[in-house]
N, C-alpha and C. Protein backbone atom coordinates (compact mmCIF):
# COMPACT_ATOMS: atom_id res chain seq x y z
N UNK A 1 18.81 1.29 -7.72
CA UNK A 1 17.12 1.65 -7.79
C UNK A 1 16.42 0.33 -7.97
N UNK A 2 15.74 -0.30 -7.25
CA UNK A 2 14.76 -1.41 -7.41
C UNK A 2 13.63 -0.70 -8.07
N UNK A 3 13.43 -1.81 -8.99
CA UNK A 3 12.15 -1.99 -10.05
C UNK A 3 10.67 -2.02 -9.00
N UNK A 4 10.52 -2.34 -7.75
CA UNK A 4 9.64 -2.59 -6.72
C UNK A 4 9.80 -1.29 -5.81
N UNK A 5 8.76 -0.56 -5.60
CA UNK A 5 8.65 0.23 -4.57
C UNK A 5 7.37 -0.18 -3.22
N UNK A 6 8.17 0.14 -1.81
CA UNK A 6 6.86 -0.43 -1.01
C UNK A 6 6.69 0.98 -0.57
N UNK A 7 5.36 1.62 -0.76
CA UNK A 7 4.77 2.82 -0.41
C UNK A 7 3.89 2.57 0.67
N UNK A 8 3.81 3.00 1.83
CA UNK A 8 3.17 2.70 2.92
C UNK A 8 2.61 4.05 3.77
N UNK A 9 1.57 4.03 4.33
CA UNK A 9 1.04 5.03 5.50
C UNK A 9 0.99 4.25 6.60
N UNK A 10 1.19 5.14 7.88
CA UNK A 10 1.41 4.11 9.07
C UNK A 10 1.03 5.25 9.88
N UNK A 11 0.02 4.99 10.56
CA UNK A 11 -0.48 6.10 11.76
C UNK A 11 -0.01 5.86 13.34
N UNK A 12 0.41 4.50 13.47
CA UNK A 12 0.80 4.21 14.73
C UNK A 12 2.28 3.76 14.68
N UNK A 13 2.71 3.61 13.55
CA UNK A 13 4.36 2.57 13.25
C UNK A 13 4.05 1.27 13.10
N UNK A 14 3.08 0.57 13.07
CA UNK A 14 2.67 -0.92 12.66
C UNK A 14 2.74 -0.88 11.39
N UNK A 15 2.28 -0.55 10.62
CA UNK A 15 2.42 -0.74 9.17
C UNK A 15 3.80 -0.37 8.96
N UNK A 16 4.40 0.81 9.18
CA UNK A 16 6.04 0.95 9.11
C UNK A 16 6.97 -0.07 9.15
N UNK A 17 6.47 -0.68 10.22
CA UNK A 17 7.35 -1.89 10.64
C UNK A 17 7.16 -2.93 9.43
N UNK A 18 6.06 -3.48 9.14
CA UNK A 18 5.76 -4.43 8.51
C UNK A 18 6.44 -4.09 6.82
N UNK A 19 6.03 -2.58 6.35
CA UNK A 19 6.72 -2.27 5.12
C UNK A 19 8.18 -2.26 5.32
N UNK A 20 8.89 -1.91 6.35
CA UNK A 20 9.93 -1.90 6.06
C UNK A 20 10.78 -3.43 5.94
N UNK A 21 9.94 -4.33 6.73
CA UNK A 21 10.35 -5.82 6.37
C UNK A 21 10.25 -6.71 4.70
N UNK A 22 8.90 -5.83 4.68
CA UNK A 22 8.59 -6.18 3.57
C UNK A 22 9.51 -6.08 2.18
N UNK A 23 9.86 -4.52 2.30
CA UNK A 23 10.85 -3.92 1.39
C UNK A 23 12.45 -4.79 1.36
N UNK A 24 12.99 -5.04 2.67
CA UNK A 24 13.78 -5.79 2.55
C UNK A 24 13.76 -6.85 2.25
N UNK A 25 12.64 -7.72 2.30
CA UNK A 25 12.84 -9.19 1.83
C UNK A 25 12.74 -9.27 0.25
N UNK A 26 12.10 -7.86 -0.49
CA UNK A 26 11.77 -7.74 -1.74
C UNK A 26 12.92 -6.78 -2.45
N UNK A 27 13.53 -6.44 -1.58
CA UNK A 27 15.05 -5.71 -1.93
C UNK A 27 14.44 -4.70 -2.91
N UNK A 28 13.42 -4.01 -2.20
CA UNK A 28 12.51 -2.87 -2.82
C UNK A 28 12.99 -1.24 -2.30
N UNK A 29 12.64 -0.46 -2.85
CA UNK A 29 12.78 1.02 -2.30
C UNK A 29 11.54 0.91 -1.72
N UNK A 30 11.72 2.10 -0.37
CA UNK A 30 10.78 2.43 0.56
C UNK A 30 10.31 3.97 0.45
N UNK A 31 9.06 4.26 0.61
CA UNK A 31 8.37 5.47 0.60
C UNK A 31 7.31 5.60 1.46
N UNK A 32 7.29 6.47 2.37
CA UNK A 32 6.49 7.00 3.67
C UNK A 32 5.33 7.71 2.88
N UNK A 33 4.22 7.45 2.82
CA UNK A 33 2.96 8.53 2.48
C UNK A 33 2.76 9.13 3.81
N UNK A 34 2.59 10.53 4.12
CA UNK A 34 2.77 10.92 5.05
C UNK A 34 1.34 12.56 5.06
N UNK A 35 1.01 12.35 6.22
CA UNK A 35 -0.06 13.20 5.87
C UNK A 35 0.39 14.75 6.13
N UNK A 36 -0.03 16.09 5.39
CA UNK A 36 0.48 17.21 5.49
C UNK A 36 0.33 17.51 6.90
N UNK A 37 -0.89 16.80 7.69
CA UNK A 37 -1.06 17.38 8.94
C UNK A 37 -1.15 16.09 9.68
N UNK A 38 0.29 15.59 10.21
CA UNK A 38 0.05 14.23 11.09
C UNK A 38 -1.20 14.24 12.14
N UNK A 39 -1.47 12.94 12.21
CA UNK A 39 -2.42 12.44 13.13
C UNK A 39 -2.10 12.20 15.01
N UNK A 40 -2.82 13.15 15.36
CA UNK A 40 -2.46 12.83 16.67
C UNK A 40 -3.22 12.01 17.38
N UNK A 41 -3.29 11.18 18.72
CA UNK A 41 -3.92 10.20 19.55
C UNK A 41 -5.30 10.70 19.19
N UNK A 42 -5.70 11.83 19.51
CA UNK A 42 -7.31 12.25 19.27
C UNK A 42 -7.81 11.99 18.09
N UNK A 43 -7.06 12.38 16.91
CA UNK A 43 -7.16 12.28 15.94
C UNK A 43 -7.90 10.62 15.13
N UNK A 44 -6.92 9.86 15.84
CA UNK A 44 -7.46 8.53 15.66
C UNK A 44 -8.33 7.48 16.51
N UNK A 45 -8.86 8.07 17.41
CA UNK A 45 -9.81 7.65 18.45
C UNK A 45 -11.15 7.24 17.68
N UNK A 46 -11.23 5.90 17.44
CA UNK A 46 -12.21 5.52 16.30
C UNK A 46 -13.38 5.85 17.38
N UNK A 47 -13.74 5.44 18.52
CA UNK A 47 -14.85 5.48 19.09
C UNK A 47 -15.27 6.72 19.45
N UNK A 48 -14.54 8.04 18.71
CA UNK A 48 -15.17 9.42 18.81
C UNK A 48 -15.97 9.73 17.46
N UNK A 49 -16.71 9.82 17.26
CA UNK A 49 -17.58 9.93 15.38
C UNK A 49 -17.09 11.18 15.00
N UNK A 50 -16.30 12.21 15.95
CA UNK A 50 -15.98 13.54 15.91
C UNK A 50 -14.64 13.83 15.35
N UNK A 51 -13.91 12.49 15.45
CA UNK A 51 -12.24 12.52 15.32
C UNK A 51 -11.94 12.63 13.94
N UNK A 52 -11.09 12.92 13.47
CA UNK A 52 -10.63 13.47 12.38
C UNK A 52 -10.74 12.24 11.59
N UNK A 53 -10.36 11.24 12.01
CA UNK A 53 -10.46 9.81 11.34
C UNK A 53 -11.31 9.20 10.80
N UNK A 54 -12.34 9.45 11.84
CA UNK A 54 -13.92 9.14 12.06
C UNK A 54 -14.61 9.87 10.49
N UNK A 55 -13.96 11.35 10.69
CA UNK A 55 -14.80 12.16 9.79
C UNK A 55 -14.43 11.90 8.36
N UNK A 56 -13.01 11.63 8.40
CA UNK A 56 -12.68 11.65 6.90
C UNK A 56 -13.21 10.09 6.29
N UNK A 57 -13.14 9.13 7.21
CA UNK A 57 -13.70 7.58 6.87
C UNK A 57 -15.39 8.07 6.10
N UNK A 58 -16.04 9.04 7.18
CA UNK A 58 -17.57 9.04 6.49
C UNK A 58 -17.79 9.76 5.61
N UNK A 59 -16.63 10.34 5.06
CA UNK A 59 -16.56 11.24 3.54
C UNK A 59 -15.94 10.41 2.78
N UNK A 60 -16.43 9.53 1.70
CA UNK A 60 -15.95 9.46 0.69
C UNK A 60 -15.25 10.16 -0.24
N UNK A 61 -15.60 11.45 -0.48
CA UNK A 61 -14.82 12.05 -1.20
C UNK A 61 -13.54 13.02 -0.47
N UNK A 62 -13.46 12.83 0.42
CA UNK A 62 -12.19 13.55 1.46
C UNK A 62 -10.70 12.83 0.92
N UNK A 63 -10.00 13.74 0.87
CA UNK A 63 -8.32 13.10 0.57
C UNK A 63 -7.56 13.95 1.23
N UNK A 64 -7.07 13.45 2.30
CA UNK A 64 -6.20 14.19 3.34
C UNK A 64 -5.03 14.78 1.98
N UNK A 65 -4.52 15.74 2.63
CA UNK A 65 -3.29 16.42 1.68
C UNK A 65 -1.96 15.42 2.31
N UNK A 66 -1.16 15.29 1.43
CA UNK A 66 0.31 14.55 1.30
C UNK A 66 1.06 15.58 1.72
N UNK A 67 2.01 15.28 2.85
CA UNK A 67 3.09 15.94 3.26
C UNK A 67 4.26 16.24 2.30
N UNK A 68 4.29 15.34 1.22
CA UNK A 68 5.43 15.43 0.66
C UNK A 68 4.55 15.43 -0.95
N UNK A 69 5.15 15.66 -1.90
CA UNK A 69 4.91 15.49 -3.62
C UNK A 69 5.47 14.17 -3.60
N UNK A 70 4.58 13.42 -4.34
CA UNK A 70 4.62 11.66 -4.75
C UNK A 70 6.13 11.83 -5.71
N UNK A 71 7.01 11.18 -5.58
CA UNK A 71 8.09 10.99 -6.58
C UNK A 71 7.96 10.41 -7.73
N UNK A 72 8.54 10.90 -8.73
CA UNK A 72 8.68 10.27 -10.17
C UNK A 72 8.32 8.54 -10.39
N UNK A 73 7.30 7.82 -10.68
CA UNK A 73 7.18 6.56 -10.47
C UNK A 73 7.77 5.70 -11.68
N UNK A 74 8.78 6.55 -12.42
CA UNK A 74 8.50 5.96 -13.95
C UNK A 74 9.48 4.74 -13.77
N UNK A 75 10.60 4.50 -12.76
CA UNK A 75 11.48 3.22 -12.36
C UNK A 75 10.62 2.46 -11.88
N UNK A 76 9.69 2.48 -11.44
CA UNK A 76 8.68 1.10 -10.68
C UNK A 76 7.83 0.42 -11.59
N UNK A 77 7.87 -0.88 -11.65
CA UNK A 77 7.02 -1.55 -12.29
C UNK A 77 6.07 -2.22 -11.38
N UNK A 78 6.43 -2.37 -9.95
CA UNK A 78 5.64 -3.00 -9.03
C UNK A 78 5.23 -1.90 -7.84
N UNK A 79 4.22 -1.74 -7.21
CA UNK A 79 4.22 -0.93 -6.00
C UNK A 79 2.95 -1.71 -4.97
N UNK A 80 3.81 -2.04 -3.95
CA UNK A 80 3.59 -2.17 -2.90
C UNK A 80 2.59 -1.46 -2.01
N UNK A 81 1.15 -1.08 -1.53
CA UNK A 81 0.88 0.13 -0.96
C UNK A 81 0.08 -0.48 0.14
N UNK A 82 0.92 -0.28 1.33
CA UNK A 82 0.52 -0.32 3.15
C UNK A 82 -0.08 0.57 3.61
N UNK A 83 -1.13 -0.10 4.53
CA UNK A 83 -1.71 0.91 5.26
C UNK A 83 -2.62 -0.15 6.39
N UNK A 84 -3.01 0.93 7.42
CA UNK A 84 -3.73 0.25 8.65
C UNK A 84 -4.90 0.07 8.00
N UNK A 85 -6.06 -0.74 8.47
CA UNK A 85 -7.25 -1.22 7.91
C UNK A 85 -7.89 0.35 9.04
N UNK A 86 -8.82 1.22 8.46
CA UNK A 86 -9.71 1.80 8.90
C UNK A 86 -11.30 1.52 8.61
N UNK A 87 -12.03 1.39 9.70
CA UNK A 87 -13.63 0.99 8.91
C UNK A 87 -13.41 -0.07 7.89
N UNK A 88 -12.59 -0.74 7.86
CA UNK A 88 -12.94 -2.00 7.28
C UNK A 88 -12.00 -1.62 5.59
N UNK A 89 -11.31 -0.71 5.63
CA UNK A 89 -10.67 -0.05 4.21
C UNK A 89 -9.51 0.82 4.40
N UNK A 90 -8.89 1.06 3.14
CA UNK A 90 -7.36 1.70 3.15
C UNK A 90 -8.01 3.10 3.69
N UNK A 91 -7.16 3.93 4.59
CA UNK A 91 -7.48 5.18 5.08
C UNK A 91 -7.80 5.84 3.67
N UNK A 92 -8.34 7.31 3.70
CA UNK A 92 -8.12 8.04 2.81
C UNK A 92 -6.88 8.70 2.00
N UNK A 93 -6.17 8.71 3.03
CA UNK A 93 -4.86 9.35 2.32
C UNK A 93 -4.15 8.28 1.31
N UNK A 94 -4.28 7.04 1.41
CA UNK A 94 -4.37 6.21 0.62
C UNK A 94 -5.07 6.13 -1.01
N UNK A 95 -6.20 6.77 -1.30
CA UNK A 95 -6.64 7.20 -2.29
C UNK A 95 -6.46 8.70 -2.34
N UNK A 96 -5.64 9.11 -1.61
CA UNK A 96 -5.07 10.70 -2.07
C UNK A 96 -3.93 10.25 -2.68
N UNK A 97 -3.17 9.23 -2.29
CA UNK A 97 -1.72 8.77 -3.26
C UNK A 97 -2.10 8.06 -4.26
N UNK A 98 -3.04 7.19 -4.62
CA UNK A 98 -3.16 6.67 -5.80
C UNK A 98 -3.95 7.70 -6.84
N UNK A 99 -4.54 8.88 -6.22
CA UNK A 99 -4.83 9.46 -7.36
C UNK A 99 -3.70 10.89 -7.78
N UNK A 100 -2.62 10.57 -7.03
CA UNK A 100 -1.64 11.73 -6.97
C UNK A 100 -0.86 11.79 -8.35
N UNK A 101 -1.00 10.61 -9.10
CA UNK A 101 0.17 10.16 -10.41
C UNK A 101 -0.59 9.28 -11.54
N UNK A 102 -0.12 9.71 -12.59
CA UNK A 102 -0.47 8.52 -13.44
C UNK A 102 0.06 7.34 -13.49
N UNK A 103 -0.57 6.23 -13.00
CA UNK A 103 0.03 4.99 -12.32
C UNK A 103 -0.46 4.03 -13.56
N UNK A 104 -0.67 4.51 -14.76
CA UNK A 104 -1.04 3.56 -15.79
C UNK A 104 0.37 2.54 -16.10
N UNK A 105 -0.23 1.33 -16.17
CA UNK A 105 1.00 0.13 -16.46
C UNK A 105 1.52 -0.23 -15.34
N UNK A 106 1.40 0.10 -14.24
CA UNK A 106 2.01 -0.16 -12.92
C UNK A 106 1.17 -1.18 -12.43
N UNK A 107 1.84 -2.03 -11.35
CA UNK A 107 1.21 -3.28 -10.91
C UNK A 107 1.12 -2.72 -9.51
N UNK A 108 -0.11 -2.84 -8.78
CA UNK A 108 -0.27 -2.78 -7.38
C UNK A 108 -0.68 -4.19 -6.76
N UNK A 109 0.08 -4.04 -5.52
CA UNK A 109 -0.13 -4.99 -4.07
C UNK A 109 -0.52 -4.34 -2.98
N UNK A 110 -1.89 -4.50 -3.01
CA UNK A 110 -2.00 -3.94 -1.59
C UNK A 110 -1.64 -4.68 -0.18
N UNK A 111 -1.19 -4.19 0.94
CA UNK A 111 -1.42 -5.01 2.23
C UNK A 111 -1.78 -3.82 3.21
N UNK A 112 -1.86 -4.68 4.11
CA UNK A 112 -2.62 -4.12 5.34
C UNK A 112 -2.35 -4.68 6.46
N UNK A 113 -2.27 -3.99 7.73
CA UNK A 113 -2.01 -4.21 8.96
C UNK A 113 -3.19 -4.23 10.14
N UNK A 114 -3.91 -5.01 10.75
CA UNK A 114 -4.91 -5.21 11.56
C UNK A 114 -4.84 -5.75 12.67
N UNK A 115 -5.76 -5.60 13.58
CA UNK A 115 -5.92 -6.32 14.75
C UNK A 115 -6.85 -7.42 14.61
N UNK A 116 -6.93 -7.76 13.04
CA UNK A 116 -7.73 -8.73 12.75
C UNK A 116 -8.92 -8.61 11.69
N UNK A 117 -9.02 -7.17 11.35
CA UNK A 117 -10.10 -6.72 10.25
C UNK A 117 -9.80 -7.58 8.69
N UNK A 118 -10.18 -8.33 8.02
CA UNK A 118 -9.92 -8.69 6.67
C UNK A 118 -9.48 -7.34 5.76
N UNK A 119 -8.64 -7.70 4.47
CA UNK A 119 -8.87 -6.51 3.81
C UNK A 119 -9.68 -5.99 2.97
N UNK A 120 -11.04 -6.80 3.08
CA UNK A 120 -12.14 -6.32 2.59
C UNK A 120 -12.02 -6.24 1.03
N UNK A 121 -12.63 -4.93 0.68
CA UNK A 121 -12.82 -4.22 -0.74
C UNK A 121 -11.70 -3.28 -0.73
N UNK A 122 -10.84 -3.18 -0.06
CA UNK A 122 -9.63 -2.05 -0.51
C UNK A 122 -9.23 -2.18 -1.58
N UNK A 123 -8.71 -3.24 -2.19
CA UNK A 123 -7.98 -3.02 -3.41
C UNK A 123 -8.82 -3.04 -4.28
N UNK A 124 -10.25 -3.00 -4.58
CA UNK A 124 -11.09 -3.07 -5.30
C UNK A 124 -11.54 -1.64 -5.45
N UNK A 125 -11.67 -0.99 -4.58
CA UNK A 125 -12.13 0.57 -4.50
C UNK A 125 -10.62 1.04 -4.49
N UNK A 126 -9.50 0.60 -4.20
CA UNK A 126 -8.30 1.78 -5.04
C UNK A 126 -8.22 1.51 -6.37
N UNK A 127 -8.41 0.30 -6.95
CA UNK A 127 -8.34 0.06 -8.23
C UNK A 127 -9.25 0.85 -8.99
N UNK A 128 -10.36 1.34 -8.65
CA UNK A 128 -11.39 2.09 -9.51
C UNK A 128 -10.69 3.16 -9.77
N UNK A 129 -9.71 4.08 -8.69
CA UNK A 129 -9.13 5.33 -8.45
C UNK A 129 -8.07 5.21 -9.29
N UNK A 130 -7.48 4.16 -9.54
CA UNK A 130 -6.18 4.14 -10.56
C UNK A 130 -6.48 3.59 -11.88
N UNK A 131 -7.01 4.29 -12.67
CA UNK A 131 -7.46 3.64 -13.97
C UNK A 131 -6.13 3.11 -15.02
N UNK A 132 -6.21 2.19 -15.41
CA UNK A 132 -5.16 1.64 -16.36
C UNK A 132 -3.55 1.11 -15.39
N UNK A 133 -4.27 0.97 -14.39
CA UNK A 133 -3.20 -0.02 -13.40
C UNK A 133 -3.78 -1.66 -13.29
N UNK A 134 -2.81 -2.05 -12.92
CA UNK A 134 -3.36 -3.71 -12.54
C UNK A 134 -3.12 -3.91 -11.03
N UNK A 135 -3.92 -4.63 -10.26
CA UNK A 135 -3.97 -4.83 -8.90
C UNK A 135 -4.08 -6.27 -8.73
N UNK A 136 -2.93 -6.80 -8.15
CA UNK A 136 -3.29 -8.14 -7.33
C UNK A 136 -3.94 -8.14 -6.23
N UNK A 137 -4.17 -9.25 -5.75
CA UNK A 137 -4.97 -9.56 -4.57
C UNK A 137 -3.70 -9.50 -3.63
N UNK A 138 -4.06 -8.74 -2.44
CA UNK A 138 -3.24 -8.44 -1.52
C UNK A 138 -3.73 -9.12 -0.20
N UNK A 139 -2.79 -8.82 0.91
CA UNK A 139 -3.10 -9.17 2.07
C UNK A 139 -3.12 -8.57 3.31
N UNK A 140 -3.67 -9.16 4.02
CA UNK A 140 -3.28 -8.30 5.92
C UNK A 140 -2.27 -9.33 6.14
N UNK A 141 -1.30 -8.32 6.85
CA UNK A 141 -0.02 -8.90 7.21
C UNK A 141 -0.15 -8.90 8.79
N UNK A 142 0.39 -9.76 9.64
CA UNK A 142 0.55 -9.22 11.14
C UNK A 142 2.19 -8.64 11.27
N UNK A 143 1.98 -7.71 12.24
CA UNK A 143 3.38 -7.35 12.69
C UNK A 143 4.43 -8.00 12.98
N UNK A 144 3.87 -9.28 13.45
CA UNK A 144 5.20 -10.27 13.86
C UNK A 144 5.41 -11.17 12.40
N UNK A 145 5.02 -10.78 11.24
CA UNK A 145 5.29 -11.81 10.19
C UNK A 145 6.83 -12.13 10.20
N UNK A 146 7.29 -13.16 9.80
CA UNK A 146 8.50 -13.61 9.85
C UNK A 146 9.06 -13.19 8.21
N UNK A 147 10.68 -13.19 8.14
CA UNK A 147 10.92 -12.76 6.71
C UNK A 147 10.76 -14.08 6.06
N UNK A 148 10.72 -14.94 6.32
CA UNK A 148 10.36 -16.19 5.66
C UNK A 148 9.07 -16.48 5.03
N UNK A 149 8.09 -15.96 5.83
CA UNK A 149 6.59 -15.59 5.11
C UNK A 149 6.59 -14.74 4.30
N UNK A 150 7.39 -13.60 4.42
CA UNK A 150 7.43 -12.40 3.67
C UNK A 150 8.26 -12.90 2.30
N UNK A 151 9.00 -13.54 2.31
CA UNK A 151 9.68 -14.57 0.71
C UNK A 151 8.72 -15.63 0.34
N UNK A 152 8.39 -16.07 1.27
CA UNK A 152 7.06 -17.07 0.54
C UNK A 152 5.92 -16.14 -0.15
N UNK A 153 5.46 -15.18 0.19
CA UNK A 153 4.57 -14.44 -0.59
C UNK A 153 5.06 -13.78 -1.71
N UNK A 154 5.92 -13.41 -1.75
CA UNK A 154 6.98 -12.89 -2.96
C UNK A 154 7.28 -14.21 -4.01
N UNK A 155 7.58 -15.08 -3.37
CA UNK A 155 7.67 -16.12 -4.32
C UNK A 155 5.97 -16.49 -4.90
N UNK A 156 5.21 -16.63 -4.14
CA UNK A 156 3.94 -16.69 -4.53
C UNK A 156 3.04 -15.54 -5.81
N UNK A 157 3.89 -14.80 -5.66
CA UNK A 157 3.55 -13.27 -6.80
C UNK A 157 4.49 -13.29 -7.71
N UNK A 158 5.37 -14.24 -7.76
CA UNK A 158 6.64 -14.56 -8.70
C UNK A 158 7.42 -12.93 -8.63
N UNK A 159 7.68 -12.29 -7.29
CA UNK A 159 8.03 -11.10 -6.85
C UNK A 159 9.31 -11.29 -6.16
N UNK A 160 10.31 -12.78 -6.20
CA UNK A 160 10.92 -12.64 -5.20
C UNK A 160 12.12 -12.16 -5.75
N UNK A 161 13.44 -11.56 -5.26
CA UNK A 161 14.60 -11.09 -6.17
C UNK A 161 15.12 -12.25 -6.98
N UNK A 162 15.04 -11.70 -8.01
CA UNK A 162 15.81 -12.42 -9.08
C UNK A 162 15.02 -13.15 -9.90
N UNK A 163 13.14 -13.10 -9.54
CA UNK A 163 12.31 -13.90 -10.36
C UNK A 163 11.80 -13.32 -11.34
N UNK A 164 10.97 -13.76 -12.23
CA UNK A 164 10.30 -12.93 -13.27
C UNK A 164 8.70 -12.78 -12.75
N UNK A 165 8.13 -11.80 -13.16
CA UNK A 165 6.56 -12.03 -13.08
C UNK A 165 5.83 -12.35 -14.34
N UNK A 166 5.32 -13.11 -14.78
CA UNK A 166 4.36 -13.20 -15.87
C UNK A 166 2.95 -12.86 -15.53
N UNK A 167 2.57 -11.97 -16.48
CA UNK A 167 1.46 -11.10 -15.90
C UNK A 167 0.21 -11.52 -17.31
N UNK A 168 -0.65 -12.28 -15.94
CA UNK A 168 -1.93 -13.01 -16.83
C UNK A 168 -2.68 -12.16 -17.62
N UNK A 169 -2.50 -10.84 -17.09
CA UNK A 169 -3.60 -9.78 -17.51
C UNK A 169 -3.06 -9.60 -18.97
N UNK A 170 -2.11 -8.97 -19.12
CA UNK A 170 -1.53 -8.92 -20.37
C UNK A 170 -0.78 -9.74 -21.29
N UNK A 171 -0.46 -10.85 -21.00
CA UNK A 171 0.27 -11.60 -21.16
C UNK A 171 1.99 -11.14 -21.75
N UNK A 172 2.34 -10.98 -20.89
CA UNK A 172 3.70 -10.24 -20.77
C UNK A 172 4.40 -10.78 -19.88
N UNK A 173 6.10 -10.48 -19.94
CA UNK A 173 6.93 -10.99 -18.91
C UNK A 173 7.49 -9.77 -18.02
N UNK A 174 7.41 -9.45 -17.12
CA UNK A 174 7.93 -8.16 -16.73
C UNK A 174 9.18 -8.70 -15.69
N UNK A 175 9.93 -8.07 -15.78
CA UNK A 175 11.56 -8.46 -15.14
C UNK A 175 11.30 -7.99 -13.90
N UNK A 176 11.73 -8.36 -12.51
CA UNK A 176 11.72 -7.59 -11.36
C UNK A 176 12.95 -8.06 -10.94
N UNK A 177 13.86 -8.27 -11.93
CA UNK A 177 15.48 -8.56 -11.36
C UNK A 177 15.83 -7.36 -10.59
N UNK A 178 16.45 -7.28 -9.52
CA UNK A 178 17.26 -6.15 -8.88
C UNK A 178 18.79 -6.13 -9.01
């Protein structure tokens, strides 16, 4: 088991592909965040204000149910959380995920896939819902991102396999050796 987890929600498979690449580059474990009721193509039609995704994103209190109980996170020091961008932010199911457990002391790194929208305030919104955790700046990642680019990002974070991460927030060194 790794000390890093890549948790992701993917409605169409795009974020799943990037999450798998990131997990491989980081030597991380992988966890799919799945809705209890899968999204249909009609549910994802953002042109339709009555579609399921449109209604969920219009309601800040909406928390779609998860298909599976979130596993024990005790072994993980860092969690990459990935999602497609919906209306310039994380889908509500990501909010369900970060509120599903006590993630105190965990380091989160958000990543998103999008046709071009920026990550925006997603990290700040999620951090407010997850007290006691640390959130590093995230990135929007293209589906065609190379393994070398992912390894470069991991090096920037101090999370490349075999490296140590210095936490400027708490002045401690966390071992991310796999």
